[in-house]
Amino acid sequence: MRLLIQNGRVVHPVTGAVLLQDILAENGRISLMEHGLDCETDQVIDASGLMVAPGLVDMHVHFRDPGYTYKEDILTGCAAAARGGITSAACMANTSPAVDCPEQVAYVYDRAAQANGVQVYPVAALSVGLRGEEPTDIEALKKAGAIALSDDGCNVDNANLMRDTLIRARQLDMPVLCHCEDTSMVAGRAVNEGSVSRQLWLEGRPAIAEEIMVMRDAMLAEETGSRVHICHVSTARSVEIIRKMKKKGVSITCETCPQYFTLTEDEVLRLGSLARVNPPLRTQKDVQGIIAGLRDGTIDVIATDHAPHSVEEKTRPLSRAPSGMIGLETSLAITLTQLYHTGKMELPDIIRRMSTNPADLLRLPRGHMSLGATADLIVFDPDEEWTVDPHRFASKARNTPFAGWTVKGRVKYTIVKGQVIYQDQE
């Protein structure tokens, strides 16, 4: 199979260049990159007026499969990912049963093989059953194909368990992805502790609950030398802690999500349960701190934390609804709208945080665009406006706070291993 993409402006996230180039993909890999290519191919994409970039790598998704497939499954999750330009996704272990043994890792790979070509990589549980009590067999999980460890959705309150896991993970060169919220300070609480929680007469989830655990896990990373990655950073002080630890040379990385540099806790007053997420939406000061962390490189990755729930679940009262929001089909558009079109970040810097950086952190052979690299690519129009309509999503879920938003940036083609797996028909 030979695919030629012509006349596109190619975004190089590593060098920061944006060049007018053609790309030839042969047998799943990039074979030529130069302007004015004219050769015999099986398919030609005219990318005039469009951008071409590495396929996005989302290192934090919840596909709910097995156990909660009424919310989402691997097939629908992959379909949603392709529409958002995501060619690789790392799915978290909080399924039922949890991905805490080799058999469950194999299940994820088997189901993903039936999907549309989006590459799905299982993140295995750090503790058995995500209970934070007994460590999993890391060696067996890695041998089965797990790419990282995480009890995401649950904080690992047991510091000794976390430390022991980090020591073992370092020996196997596996990153540990940390959900940082002290359980005793947040259990059962729906929104950020602040003006909104007071208006609603609710106990809040304080920012310090996140920041304490970010500091603990950063210190454990320093002590053990292990690769620690902080998930879904939401507060300005968390960013500052990570910034300081990076300057000390600690092996720590982190991610944030579009909701944390776009929305504040005030959305809860407007949308109720649709704006409930863990960690919660914070203040405008925190939004500014997140954007500053993205701009200066403290925050390495933009992920979605795609967390689908049913309509029935998300229409429950705020205090009883599950936390989470979906993001696969909107993440690029929201990010471009909020960061690129406002002049806060350059396009190569955004693409690097959504493709190259997460791929490198997870040691995946993805997210790069060079001769010989896997031909995972997206073609997108950064300026096309569209209105977010969750009823047209490929995902089973509709729980997005961005419904009705007008955004700029639309994926036109998603390509995996030189094969077009999604083409915009609208």
Protein backbone atom coordinates (compact mmCIF):
# COMPACT_ATOMS: atom_id res chain seq x y z
CA MET A 1 0.00 0.00 0.00
CA ARG A 2 1.38 3.39 -1.08
CA LEU A 3 -0.24 6.59 0.15
CA LEU A 4 0.79 10.06 -1.00
CA ILE A 5 -0.20 13.21 0.88
CA GLN A 6 0.42 16.26 -1.29
CA ASN A 7 0.54 20.02 -0.81
CA GLY A 8 0.11 19.99 2.97
CA ARG A 9 1.89 22.15 5.52
CA VAL A 10 3.74 19.56 7.62
CA VAL A 11 4.09 20.26 11.34
CA HIS A 12 7.35 18.93 12.77
CA PRO A 13 6.86 18.84 16.55
CA VAL A 14 10.48 18.11 17.44
CA THR A 15 12.21 20.82 15.36
CA GLY A 16 9.30 23.25 15.53
CA ALA A 17 9.28 23.73 11.76
CA VAL A 18 6.16 23.95 9.60
CA LEU A 19 7.11 23.11 6.01
CA LEU A 20 5.33 22.71 2.68
CA GLN A 21 6.03 19.04 2.02
CA ASP A 22 4.58 15.92 0.48
CA ILE A 23 4.69 12.63 2.38
CA LEU A 24 4.87 9.19 0.82
CA ALA A 25 3.96 6.23 3.00
CA GLU A 26 4.89 2.74 1.84
CA ASN A 27 4.15 -0.51 3.67
CA GLY A 28 3.09 1.37 6.77
CA ARG A 29 6.14 3.62 7.04
CA ILE A 30 7.18 7.07 5.85
CA SER A 31 9.53 6.63 2.90
CA LEU A 32 9.81 10.14 1.46
CA MET A 33 9.23 13.68 2.70
CA GLU A 34 9.88 16.44 0.20
CA HIS A 35 8.05 19.04 -1.84
CA GLY A 36 6.80 18.16 -5.33
CA LEU A 37 6.61 14.37 -5.10
CA ASP A 38 5.00 12.76 -8.13
CA CYS A 39 4.90 8.99 -8.08
CA GLU A 40 2.57 6.08 -8.66
CA THR A 41 0.49 5.33 -5.58
CA ASP A 42 -2.64 3.54 -4.44
CA GLN A 43 -4.18 6.66 -2.90
CA VAL A 44 -3.51 10.39 -3.05
CA ILE A 45 -4.73 12.92 -0.49
CA ASP A 46 -4.68 16.55 -1.59
CA ALA A 47 -3.90 18.43 1.63
CA SER A 48 -3.89 21.90 0.07
CA GLY A 49 -4.69 24.45 2.75
CA LEU A 50 -4.43 21.78 5.46
CA MET A 51 -1.92 20.78 8.13
CA VAL A 52 -0.27 17.36 8.38
CA ALA A 53 1.08 16.12 11.71
CA PRO A 54 1.95 12.93 13.57
CA GLY A 55 -1.10 11.03 14.77
CA LEU A 56 -2.07 12.05 18.30
CA VAL A 57 -1.14 9.77 21.19
CA ASP A 58 -3.60 9.93 24.08
CA MET A 59 -1.89 8.43 27.10
CA HIS A 60 -4.96 8.55 29.36
CA VAL A 61 -8.30 7.10 28.30
CA HIS A 62 -11.00 4.95 29.88
CA PHE A 63 -12.58 2.55 27.41
CA ARG A 64 -14.65 0.81 30.17
CA ASP A 65 -14.02 -2.59 28.59
CA PRO A 66 -14.52 -5.12 30.18
CA GLY A 67 -17.34 -4.66 32.65
CA TYR A 68 -18.86 -1.27 31.84
CA THR A 69 -19.46 -1.55 28.12
CA TYR A 70 -22.81 0.20 28.38
CA LYS A 71 -20.69 3.36 28.83
CA GLU A 72 -18.09 2.62 26.13
CA ASP A 73 -16.16 -0.30 24.71
CA ILE A 74 -12.86 -0.64 22.92
CA LEU A 75 -14.48 -0.62 19.47
CA THR A 76 -16.53 2.55 20.02
CA GLY A 77 -13.65 4.15 21.88
CA CYS A 78 -11.36 3.56 18.92
CA ALA A 79 -13.97 4.96 16.53
CA ALA A 80 -14.20 8.11 18.66
CA ALA A 81 -10.40 8.34 18.85
CA ALA A 82 -10.06 8.20 15.07
CA ARG A 83 -12.54 11.06 14.64
CA GLY A 84 -10.38 13.13 16.98
CA GLY A 85 -7.12 12.39 15.17
CA ILE A 86 -5.90 10.01 17.87
CA THR A 87 -3.99 7.07 16.41
CA SER A 88 -2.72 5.54 19.68
CA ALA A 89 -4.41 5.35 23.08
CA ALA A 90 -3.30 4.05 26.48
CA CYS A 91 -6.31 2.72 28.37
CA MET A 92 -6.49 2.68 32.13
CA ALA A 93 -7.00 -0.38 34.29
CA ASN A 94 -10.14 0.55 36.24
CA THR A 95 -12.41 -1.89 34.46
CA SER A 96 -14.33 -4.86 35.88
CA PRO A 97 -12.38 -7.02 36.34
CA ALA A 98 -9.42 -4.68 36.65
CA VAL A 99 -6.48 -5.09 34.31
CA ASP A 100 -4.33 -6.55 37.07
CA CYS A 101 -3.23 -9.87 35.51
CA PRO A 102 -1.78 -11.02 32.17
CA GLU A 103 -5.12 -12.45 31.05
CA GLN A 104 -6.77 -9.04 31.23
CA VAL A 105 -3.88 -7.41 29.35
CA ALA A 106 -4.38 -10.02 26.64
CA TYR A 107 -8.11 -9.28 26.56
CA VAL A 108 -7.47 -5.60 25.80
CA TYR A 109 -5.12 -6.46 22.94
CA ASP A 110 -7.53 -9.05 21.53
CA ARG A 111 -10.45 -6.61 21.55
CA ALA A 112 -8.33 -3.83 20.05
CA ALA A 113 -7.36 -6.13 17.17
CA GLN A 114 -11.04 -6.11 16.16
CA ALA A 115 -11.18 -2.29 16.07
CA ASN A 116 -10.46 0.18 13.29
CA GLY A 117 -6.68 0.23 13.54
CA VAL A 118 -6.18 2.73 16.37
CA GLN A 119 -3.37 1.28 18.46
CA VAL A 120 -4.53 0.48 22.00
CA TYR A 121 -2.01 -0.06 24.76
CA PRO A 122 -3.07 -1.40 28.17
CA VAL A 123 -1.96 0.33 31.36
CA ALA A 124 -1.96 -2.30 34.11
CA ALA A 125 -3.09 -1.88 37.69
CA LEU A 126 -0.47 -1.05 40.29
CA SER A 127 -2.37 -2.94 43.01
CA VAL A 128 -4.57 -6.01 42.88
CA GLY A 129 -8.15 -4.98 42.23
CA LEU A 130 -7.09 -1.30 42.48
CA ARG A 131 -7.54 -1.65 46.23
CA GLY A 132 -4.15 -0.20 47.16
CA GLU A 133 -3.27 -3.14 49.40
CA GLU A 134 -1.38 -5.83 47.46
CA PRO A 135 1.04 -5.20 44.57
CA THR A 136 0.43 -6.77 41.20
CA ASP A 137 2.96 -9.00 39.44
CA ILE A 138 4.70 -6.28 37.46
CA GLU A 139 7.05 -8.63 35.66
CA ALA A 140 4.18 -10.79 34.37
CA LEU A 141 2.17 -7.73 33.37
CA LYS A 142 5.04 -6.25 31.39
CA LYS A 143 5.70 -9.58 29.68
CA ALA A 144 2.03 -9.66 28.67
CA GLY A 145 2.37 -6.23 27.05
CA ALA A 146 1.40 -3.67 29.70
CA ILE A 147 3.20 -0.39 28.98
CA ALA A 148 2.81 1.33 32.37
CA LEU A 149 1.32 0.96 35.83
CA SER A 150 -1.49 2.97 37.38
CA ASP A 151 -4.38 2.78 39.81
CA ASP A 152 -5.87 5.82 38.10
CA GLY A 153 -9.27 6.62 39.47
CA CYS A 154 -7.92 5.75 42.91
CA ASN A 155 -5.10 7.40 44.80
CA VAL A 156 -2.50 5.01 46.19
CA ASP A 157 -2.70 6.15 49.81
CA ASN A 158 -0.21 3.55 51.02
CA ALA A 159 3.15 5.28 50.59
CA ASN A 160 5.09 2.09 51.27
CA LEU A 161 3.24 0.27 48.50
CA MET A 162 3.90 3.14 46.12
CA ARG A 163 7.58 3.23 47.04
CA ASP A 164 8.03 -0.52 46.60
CA THR A 165 6.24 -0.38 43.26
CA LEU A 166 8.44 2.46 42.07
CA ILE A 167 11.57 0.51 42.95
CA ARG A 168 10.35 -2.51 41.02
CA ALA A 169 9.11 -0.41 38.13
CA ARG A 170 12.51 1.23 37.78
CA GLN A 171 14.14 -2.17 37.40
CA LEU A 172 11.74 -2.90 34.54
CA ASP A 173 11.85 0.63 33.07
CA MET A 174 8.10 1.06 33.43
CA PRO A 175 6.56 4.46 34.18
CA VAL A 176 4.08 4.78 37.03
CA LEU A 177 1.11 7.04 36.29
CA CYS A 178 -0.18 8.64 39.47
CA HIS A 179 -3.68 9.83 40.31
CA CYS A 180 -2.92 12.38 43.01
CA GLU A 181 -5.75 13.11 45.45
CA ASP A 182 -5.57 12.21 49.13
CA THR A 183 -8.58 9.92 49.55
CA SER A 184 -9.38 11.05 53.09
CA MET A 185 -9.78 14.64 51.86
CA VAL A 186 -11.91 14.02 48.76
CA ALA A 187 -14.02 10.88 49.23
CA GLY A 188 -17.62 11.49 48.22
CA ARG A 189 -17.03 15.15 47.34
CA ALA A 190 -18.19 16.41 43.97
CA VAL A 191 -16.65 19.85 43.34
CA ASN A 192 -13.67 22.04 44.11
CA GLU A 193 -13.56 23.48 47.60
CA GLY A 194 -14.24 27.17 47.08
CA SER A 195 -16.91 29.66 46.17
CA VAL A 196 -19.05 27.17 44.21
CA SER A 197 -19.01 24.49 46.91
CA ARG A 198 -20.06 27.12 49.42
CA GLN A 199 -22.88 28.36 47.19
CA LEU A 200 -24.14 24.78 46.83
CA TRP A 201 -23.63 23.95 50.52
CA LEU A 202 -21.39 21.02 49.58
CA GLU A 203 -18.13 19.77 51.05
CA GLY A 204 -15.44 20.43 48.46
CA ARG A 205 -12.36 18.67 47.13
CA PRO A 206 -9.55 21.01 48.26
CA ALA A 207 -6.64 21.78 45.99
CA ILE A 208 -4.23 20.76 48.76
CA ALA A 209 -5.52 17.17 48.48
CA GLU A 210 -3.94 17.02 45.03
CA GLU A 211 -0.85 19.01 45.89
CA ILE A 212 0.10 16.91 48.93
CA MET A 213 0.12 13.76 46.83
CA VAL A 214 1.96 15.42 43.95
CA MET A 215 4.69 16.39 46.42
CA ARG A 216 4.77 12.91 47.96
CA ASP A 217 5.09 11.15 44.62
CA ALA A 218 7.64 13.67 43.39
CA MET A 219 9.73 13.00 46.50
CA LEU A 220 9.40 9.25 45.96
CA ALA A 221 10.54 9.72 42.38
CA GLU A 222 13.55 11.63 43.64
CA GLU A 223 14.39 8.98 46.22
CA THR A 224 13.90 5.92 43.99
CA GLY A 225 15.01 7.34 40.66
CA SER A 226 11.88 5.93 39.07
CA ARG A 227 9.87 7.46 36.24
CA VAL A 228 6.81 9.08 37.84
CA HIS A 229 4.11 10.68 35.72
CA ILE A 230 1.44 12.82 37.38
CA CYS A 231 -1.97 12.45 35.75
CA HIS A 232 -4.48 15.25 35.04
CA VAL A 233 -2.76 18.12 36.89
CA SER A 234 -5.40 20.70 37.82
CA THR A 235 -3.87 23.29 40.19
CA ALA A 236 -1.34 26.05 39.77
CA ARG A 237 0.57 24.91 42.88
CA SER A 238 0.86 21.36 41.53
CA VAL A 239 2.50 22.84 38.45
CA GLU A 240 4.90 24.82 40.63
CA ILE A 241 5.85 21.72 42.65
CA ILE A 242 6.58 19.76 39.46
CA ARG A 243 8.50 22.69 37.99
CA LYS A 244 10.79 22.85 41.04
CA MET A 245 11.36 19.09 41.11
CA LYS A 246 12.21 19.05 37.40
CA LYS A 247 14.79 21.77 37.99
CA LYS A 248 16.37 19.49 40.60
CA GLY A 249 16.68 16.78 37.97
CA VAL A 250 13.94 14.50 39.31
CA SER A 251 12.53 12.04 36.76
CA ILE A 252 9.00 13.41 36.88
CA THR A 253 6.60 14.25 34.06
CA CYS A 254 2.97 15.29 34.00
CA GLU A 255 -0.12 15.82 31.91
CA THR A 256 -3.18 18.01 31.93
CA CYS A 257 -6.46 17.91 30.01
CA PRO A 258 -8.36 20.49 27.93
CA GLN A 259 -10.93 21.04 30.68
CA TYR A 260 -8.24 22.24 33.08
CA PHE A 261 -6.97 25.03 30.82
CA THR A 262 -10.43 25.94 29.55
CA LEU A 263 -13.07 25.67 32.30
CA THR A 264 -13.44 26.77 35.91
CA GLU A 265 -15.54 25.58 38.82
CA ASP A 266 -18.26 28.03 37.74
CA GLU A 267 -19.27 25.51 35.05
CA VAL A 268 -20.78 23.41 37.84
CA LEU A 269 -23.37 26.13 38.42
CA ARG A 270 -24.30 26.04 34.74
CA LEU A 271 -24.03 22.35 33.90
CA GLY A 272 -24.32 20.49 37.19
CA SER A 273 -23.22 16.86 36.93
CA LEU A 274 -21.81 17.31 33.41
CA ALA A 275 -19.09 19.45 34.97
CA ARG A 276 -18.24 16.92 37.68
CA VAL A 277 -14.79 15.44 37.12
CA ASN A 278 -11.89 14.17 39.26
CA PRO A 279 -9.84 16.16 40.03
CA PRO A 280 -12.45 18.91 39.90
CA LEU A 281 -12.52 22.02 37.78
CA ARG A 282 -10.67 24.70 39.73
CA THR A 283 -10.33 28.50 39.68
CA GLN A 284 -9.29 30.99 37.03
CA LYS A 285 -5.94 31.31 38.81
CA ASP A 286 -5.43 27.58 38.37
CA VAL A 287 -6.38 27.76 34.68
CA GLN A 288 -3.73 30.44 34.24
CA GLY A 289 -1.20 28.31 36.11
CA ILE A 290 -1.91 25.32 33.87
CA ILE A 291 -1.46 27.41 30.73
CA ALA A 292 1.82 28.78 32.10
CA GLY A 293 2.99 25.21 32.76
CA LEU A 294 2.15 24.21 29.20
CA ARG A 295 3.93 27.23 27.76
CA ASP A 296 7.18 26.73 29.68
CA GLY A 297 7.29 22.96 29.24
CA THR A 298 6.61 21.99 32.85
CA ILE A 299 3.53 20.14 31.62
CA ASP A 300 4.72 17.57 29.11
CA VAL A 301 1.46 16.14 27.79
CA ILE A 302 -2.10 17.07 26.89
CA ALA A 303 -4.30 13.99 27.37
CA THR A 304 -8.08 13.61 27.49
CA ASP A 305 -8.84 11.44 30.54
CA HIS A 306 -11.77 10.34 28.34
CA ALA A 307 -14.26 9.10 30.96
CA PRO A 308 -17.58 8.01 29.44
CA HIS A 309 -20.78 7.56 31.44
CA SER A 310 -24.36 6.87 30.47
CA VAL A 311 -26.95 9.62 30.09
CA GLU A 312 -28.86 8.20 33.07
CA GLU A 313 -25.79 8.38 35.29
CA LYS A 314 -24.93 11.93 34.31
CA THR A 315 -28.48 13.22 34.82
CA ARG A 316 -28.40 12.24 38.48
CA PRO A 317 -28.06 15.01 41.08
CA LEU A 318 -24.55 16.41 41.39
CA SER A 319 -23.78 14.65 44.65
CA ARG A 320 -24.75 11.21 43.24
CA ALA A 321 -23.50 11.38 39.67
CA PRO A 322 -20.19 9.73 38.68
CA SER A 323 -17.24 11.94 37.87
CA GLY A 324 -15.78 12.25 34.41
CA MET A 325 -16.19 13.76 30.96
CA ILE A 326 -15.41 12.54 27.46
CA GLY A 327 -12.84 14.19 25.21
CA LEU A 328 -11.57 12.04 22.36
CA GLU A 329 -13.53 13.82 19.63
CA THR A 330 -12.98 17.35 20.91
CA SER A 331 -9.49 17.47 22.41
CA LEU A 332 -7.62 18.78 19.37
CA ALA A 333 -10.30 21.36 18.52
CA ILE A 334 -10.61 22.63 22.10
CA THR A 335 -6.83 22.85 22.42
CA LEU A 336 -6.42 24.70 19.13
CA THR A 337 -9.27 27.05 20.01
CA GLN A 338 -7.98 27.84 23.50
CA LEU A 339 -4.22 27.83 22.96
CA TYR A 340 -3.33 28.18 19.26
CA HIS A 341 -5.96 30.63 18.04
CA THR A 342 -5.43 32.82 21.12
CA GLY A 343 -1.69 32.99 20.47
CA LYS A 344 -0.78 31.30 23.75
CA MET A 345 1.10 28.42 22.09
CA GLU A 346 2.60 27.63 18.71
CA LEU A 347 1.24 24.72 16.71
CA PRO A 348 4.38 22.51 16.87
CA ASP A 349 4.46 22.90 20.67
CA ILE A 350 0.83 21.78 20.92
CA ILE A 351 1.35 18.80 18.62
CA ARG A 352 4.47 17.78 20.54
CA ARG A 353 2.45 17.59 23.77
CA MET A 354 -0.27 15.58 22.05
CA SER A 355 1.88 13.16 20.04
CA THR A 356 5.66 12.99 20.42
CA ASN A 357 5.94 13.58 24.16
CA PRO A 358 3.37 10.98 25.28
CA ALA A 359 4.79 8.43 22.85
CA ASP A 360 8.30 9.00 24.18
CA LEU A 361 7.19 8.84 27.81
CA LEU A 362 5.53 5.47 27.22
CA ARG A 363 8.38 4.21 25.00
CA LEU A 364 5.97 3.73 22.09
CA PRO A 365 7.20 3.66 18.47
CA ARG A 366 4.64 6.33 17.57
CA GLY A 367 4.23 10.09 17.53
CA HIS A 368 7.19 10.86 15.26
CA MET A 369 7.33 12.01 11.67
CA SER A 370 10.62 11.15 10.01
CA LEU A 371 11.92 8.82 7.34
CA GLY A 372 11.30 5.23 8.38
CA ALA A 373 8.85 6.16 11.13
CA THR A 374 5.46 4.47 11.39
CA ALA A 375 3.05 6.35 9.10
CA ASP A 376 0.57 7.39 11.79
CA LEU A 377 -0.61 10.79 10.56
CA ILE A 378 -3.44 13.28 10.77
CA VAL A 379 -4.53 15.83 8.21
CA PHE A 380 -6.50 18.68 9.73
CA ASP A 381 -7.83 22.15 9.05
CA PRO A 382 -6.80 24.34 12.01
CA ASP A 383 -9.22 27.09 11.01
CA GLU A 384 -12.45 25.24 10.20
CA GLU A 385 -15.25 26.13 12.59
CA TRP A 386 -17.77 23.58 13.81
CA THR A 387 -20.25 23.19 16.61
CA VAL A 388 -19.80 20.42 19.17
CA ASP A 389 -22.85 18.14 18.95
CA PRO A 390 -22.46 15.07 21.19
CA HIS A 391 -25.37 13.35 19.47
CA ARG A 392 -23.15 13.00 16.41
CA PHE A 393 -20.23 11.45 18.34
CA ALA A 394 -18.93 7.97 17.57
CA SER A 395 -18.57 7.43 21.32
CA LYS A 396 -21.45 5.79 23.16
CA ALA A 397 -21.28 8.59 25.71
CA ARG A 398 -22.53 12.18 25.55
CA ASN A 399 -21.11 13.60 28.79
CA THR A 400 -19.19 16.61 27.52
CA PRO A 401 -19.31 20.12 28.99
CA PHE A 402 -18.47 21.49 25.53
CA ALA A 403 -21.82 20.70 23.85
CA GLY A 404 -22.91 23.68 21.76
CA TRP A 405 -19.46 25.27 21.72
CA THR A 406 -18.18 26.67 18.43
CA VAL A 407 -14.59 25.53 18.03
CA LYS A 408 -11.87 25.90 15.39
CA GLY A 409 -9.90 22.93 14.12
CA ARG A 410 -11.28 19.86 12.36
CA VAL A 411 -9.68 16.51 11.60
CA LYS A 412 -10.06 15.62 7.91
CA TYR A 413 -8.10 12.34 7.74
CA THR A 414 -6.71 9.97 10.35
CA ILE A 415 -4.10 7.52 9.10
CA VAL A 416 -2.60 4.50 10.88
CA LYS A 417 0.31 2.62 9.34
CA GLY A 418 -0.34 4.31 6.02
CA GLN A 419 -4.04 3.35 5.94
CA VAL A 420 -6.84 5.89 6.14
CA ILE A 421 -9.06 4.84 9.05
CA TYR A 422 -11.17 7.99 9.19
CA GLN A 423 -12.17 10.60 6.63
CA ASP A 424 -14.38 13.58 7.44
CA GLN A 425 -17.51 13.42 5.31
CA GLU A 426 -19.18 16.61 6.52
